[in-house]
Amino acid sequence: MRAARLNLKLFVEGLEVPIIGCRCTYSEGGPATADVQVVGTDEVFDLPPRALITIFYYEGNDLEKTSTGMSERLLSPNDPRRWKLLFMGELAGISLNKTSSSRSANLQCVDFTNYWDFIQQSYVNFRNGGIEMIENAFMGVRMDRQK
């Protein structure tokens, strides 16, 4: 087995972090998740809860795409247009792995659809003298409703 460039970039709160490996899972009707393996240093414990996680992958296409088709101009390997978004979400958990020969940390990440579980809308109807309803924001609650 030979070592090879991983062609992934991991940013935690906008700062690039060395990445060992990544597994992203997408499912219809469910949240996207990412298990990211990073070097297990003490700084892993300093990551804030729900830290912004962004992962990019390198697309090795040599030609620039234009509206008229493929252009003959070659893109530089350092051109930011070659890096595509793979995952964007937030940190949900950390697990540490230690063996006799190495140690690593796994970051469990979820996309922003996890907020849909927390969204609730409260409506105070002062005409009726109190809280009239607390419902899910996606149930069609109208804030401008009058009696």
Protein backbone atom coordinates (compact mmCIF):
# COMPACT_ATOMS: atom_id res chain seq x y z
CA MET A 1 0.00 0.00 0.00
CA ARG A 2 1.37 3.41 -0.98
CA ALA A 3 0.57 6.75 0.53
CA ALA A 4 -1.22 9.19 -1.77
CA ARG A 5 -2.55 12.71 -1.58
CA LEU A 6 -6.02 12.72 -0.06
CA ASN A 7 -7.28 15.77 -2.01
CA LEU A 8 -9.55 16.89 0.83
CA LYS A 9 -9.53 20.13 2.80
CA LEU A 10 -11.17 20.44 6.20
CA PHE A 11 -12.02 23.80 7.71
CA VAL A 12 -13.17 24.10 11.33
CA GLU A 13 -14.57 27.56 12.06
CA GLY A 14 -12.73 28.82 8.97
CA LEU A 15 -9.30 27.43 9.93
CA GLU A 16 -7.78 24.64 7.87
CA VAL A 17 -7.11 21.46 9.84
CA PRO A 18 -5.07 18.45 8.63
CA ILE A 19 -7.38 15.59 7.73
CA ILE A 20 -6.63 11.85 7.74
CA GLY A 21 -9.89 10.57 6.26
CA CYS A 22 -13.54 11.31 5.76
CA ARG A 23 -16.78 9.41 5.20
CA CYS A 24 -19.88 11.35 4.20
CA THR A 25 -23.34 9.79 4.20
CA TYR A 26 -26.32 11.25 2.40
CA SER A 27 -29.84 9.84 2.46
CA GLU A 28 -33.13 10.99 1.08
CA GLY A 29 -35.31 12.55 3.76
CA GLY A 30 -32.53 12.40 6.34
CA PRO A 31 -29.65 14.57 7.44
CA ALA A 32 -26.26 14.39 5.77
CA THR A 33 -23.55 13.21 8.14
CA ALA A 34 -19.77 13.17 8.02
CA ASP A 35 -17.29 11.18 10.08
CA VAL A 36 -13.99 13.00 9.82
CA GLN A 37 -10.75 11.52 11.09
CA VAL A 38 -8.15 14.07 12.23
CA VAL A 39 -4.88 13.90 14.14
CA GLY A 40 -5.65 13.28 17.81
CA THR A 41 -3.92 16.20 19.51
CA ASP A 42 -4.90 18.09 22.66
CA GLU A 43 -6.39 20.89 20.54
CA VAL A 44 -9.31 18.60 19.67
CA PHE A 45 -10.63 19.22 23.19
CA ASP A 46 -10.70 22.98 22.48
CA LEU A 47 -13.20 22.68 19.64
CA PRO A 48 -16.41 24.52 20.55
CA PRO A 49 -19.73 22.67 20.45
CA ARG A 50 -21.54 23.02 17.12
CA ALA A 51 -18.40 24.35 15.43
CA LEU A 52 -18.82 25.05 11.70
CA ILE A 53 -17.32 22.19 9.64
CA THR A 54 -16.65 22.60 5.92
CA ILE A 55 -15.07 19.92 3.71
CA PHE A 56 -13.90 20.47 0.13
CA TYR A 57 -12.68 17.91 -2.42
CA TYR A 58 -10.32 18.43 -5.34
CA GLU A 59 -11.75 18.03 -8.83
CA GLY A 60 -8.97 17.17 -11.26
CA ASN A 61 -10.66 18.36 -14.45
CA ASP A 62 -8.02 20.19 -16.51
CA LEU A 63 -10.33 22.20 -18.74
CA GLU A 64 -12.41 25.18 -17.75
CA LYS A 65 -16.14 24.76 -18.34
CA THR A 66 -17.83 27.62 -20.17
CA SER A 67 -21.35 28.21 -21.40
CA THR A 68 -20.26 27.37 -24.95
CA GLY A 69 -18.57 24.11 -23.96
CA MET A 70 -15.08 23.16 -22.88
CA SER A 71 -12.41 25.81 -23.12
CA GLU A 72 -8.85 25.09 -24.14
CA ARG A 73 -7.44 27.13 -21.25
CA LEU A 74 -5.99 24.85 -18.59
CA LEU A 75 -6.73 25.58 -14.94
CA SER A 76 -3.88 25.81 -12.49
CA PRO A 77 -3.78 23.10 -9.79
CA ASN A 78 -3.99 25.89 -7.19
CA ASP A 79 -7.06 27.49 -8.77
CA PRO A 80 -9.85 27.67 -6.14
CA ARG A 81 -12.42 26.71 -8.82
CA ARG A 82 -11.00 23.17 -8.68
CA TRP A 83 -12.10 22.74 -5.04
CA LYS A 84 -15.77 21.76 -4.67
CA LEU A 85 -17.93 21.68 -1.54
CA LEU A 86 -18.42 18.14 -0.22
CA PHE A 87 -20.01 18.78 3.17
CA MET A 88 -21.07 21.71 5.31
CA GLY A 89 -22.49 21.32 8.78
CA GLU A 90 -21.62 21.45 12.43
CA LEU A 91 -19.75 19.38 14.98
CA ALA A 92 -22.02 16.99 16.88
CA GLY A 93 -19.52 14.80 18.73
CA ILE A 94 -15.91 13.77 19.19
CA SER A 95 -14.45 10.32 19.81
CA LEU A 96 -10.79 9.54 20.44
CA ASN A 97 -9.03 6.38 19.23
CA LYS A 98 -5.67 5.29 20.59
CA THR A 99 -3.62 2.25 19.64
CA SER A 100 -0.06 1.26 20.44
CA SER A 101 1.17 2.82 17.21
CA SER A 102 -1.09 5.84 16.65
CA ARG A 103 -3.89 8.00 17.93
CA SER A 104 -6.63 9.85 16.10
CA ALA A 105 -9.85 11.72 16.73
CA ASN A 106 -13.14 11.23 14.89
CA LEU A 107 -15.41 14.22 14.47
CA GLN A 108 -19.08 13.34 14.01
CA CYS A 109 -20.77 16.09 12.01
CA VAL A 110 -24.34 16.70 10.87
CA ASP A 111 -25.70 19.16 8.33
CA PHE A 112 -27.91 22.11 9.21
CA THR A 113 -31.18 20.25 8.73
CA ASN A 114 -30.80 19.09 12.33
CA TYR A 115 -32.23 22.50 13.31
CA TRP A 116 -35.57 21.52 11.85
CA ASP A 117 -36.11 19.36 14.92
CA PHE A 118 -35.66 22.38 17.20
CA ILE A 119 -37.74 24.95 15.35
CA GLN A 120 -40.90 25.88 17.14
CA GLN A 121 -42.97 28.97 16.85
CA SER A 122 -44.72 30.67 19.71
CA TYR A 123 -47.62 33.03 19.21
CA VAL A 124 -48.99 35.32 21.90
CA ASN A 125 -52.53 36.47 21.32
CA PHE A 126 -53.01 39.44 23.60
CA ARG A 127 -56.67 39.83 22.59
CA ASN A 128 -57.47 36.47 24.13
CA GLY A 129 -55.18 37.11 27.06
CA GLY A 130 -52.31 34.65 26.83
CA ILE A 131 -50.44 32.10 24.82
CA GLU A 132 -52.80 30.75 22.21
CA MET A 133 -50.58 28.16 20.58
CA ILE A 134 -47.12 26.68 20.34
CA GLU A 135 -46.70 24.76 17.11
CA ASN A 136 -44.14 23.63 14.66
CA ALA A 137 -43.07 26.43 12.31
CA PHE A 138 -43.69 24.24 9.28
CA MET A 139 -47.33 23.50 10.17
CA GLY A 140 -48.54 26.70 8.52
CA VAL A 141 -48.84 28.94 11.57
CA ARG A 142 -49.89 32.46 10.58
CA MET A 143 -48.55 35.18 12.84
CA ASP A 144 -50.95 37.82 11.50
CA ARG A 145 -54.10 35.90 12.39
CA GLN A 146 -56.82 37.95 14.04
CA LYS A 147 -60.18 37.02 15.49
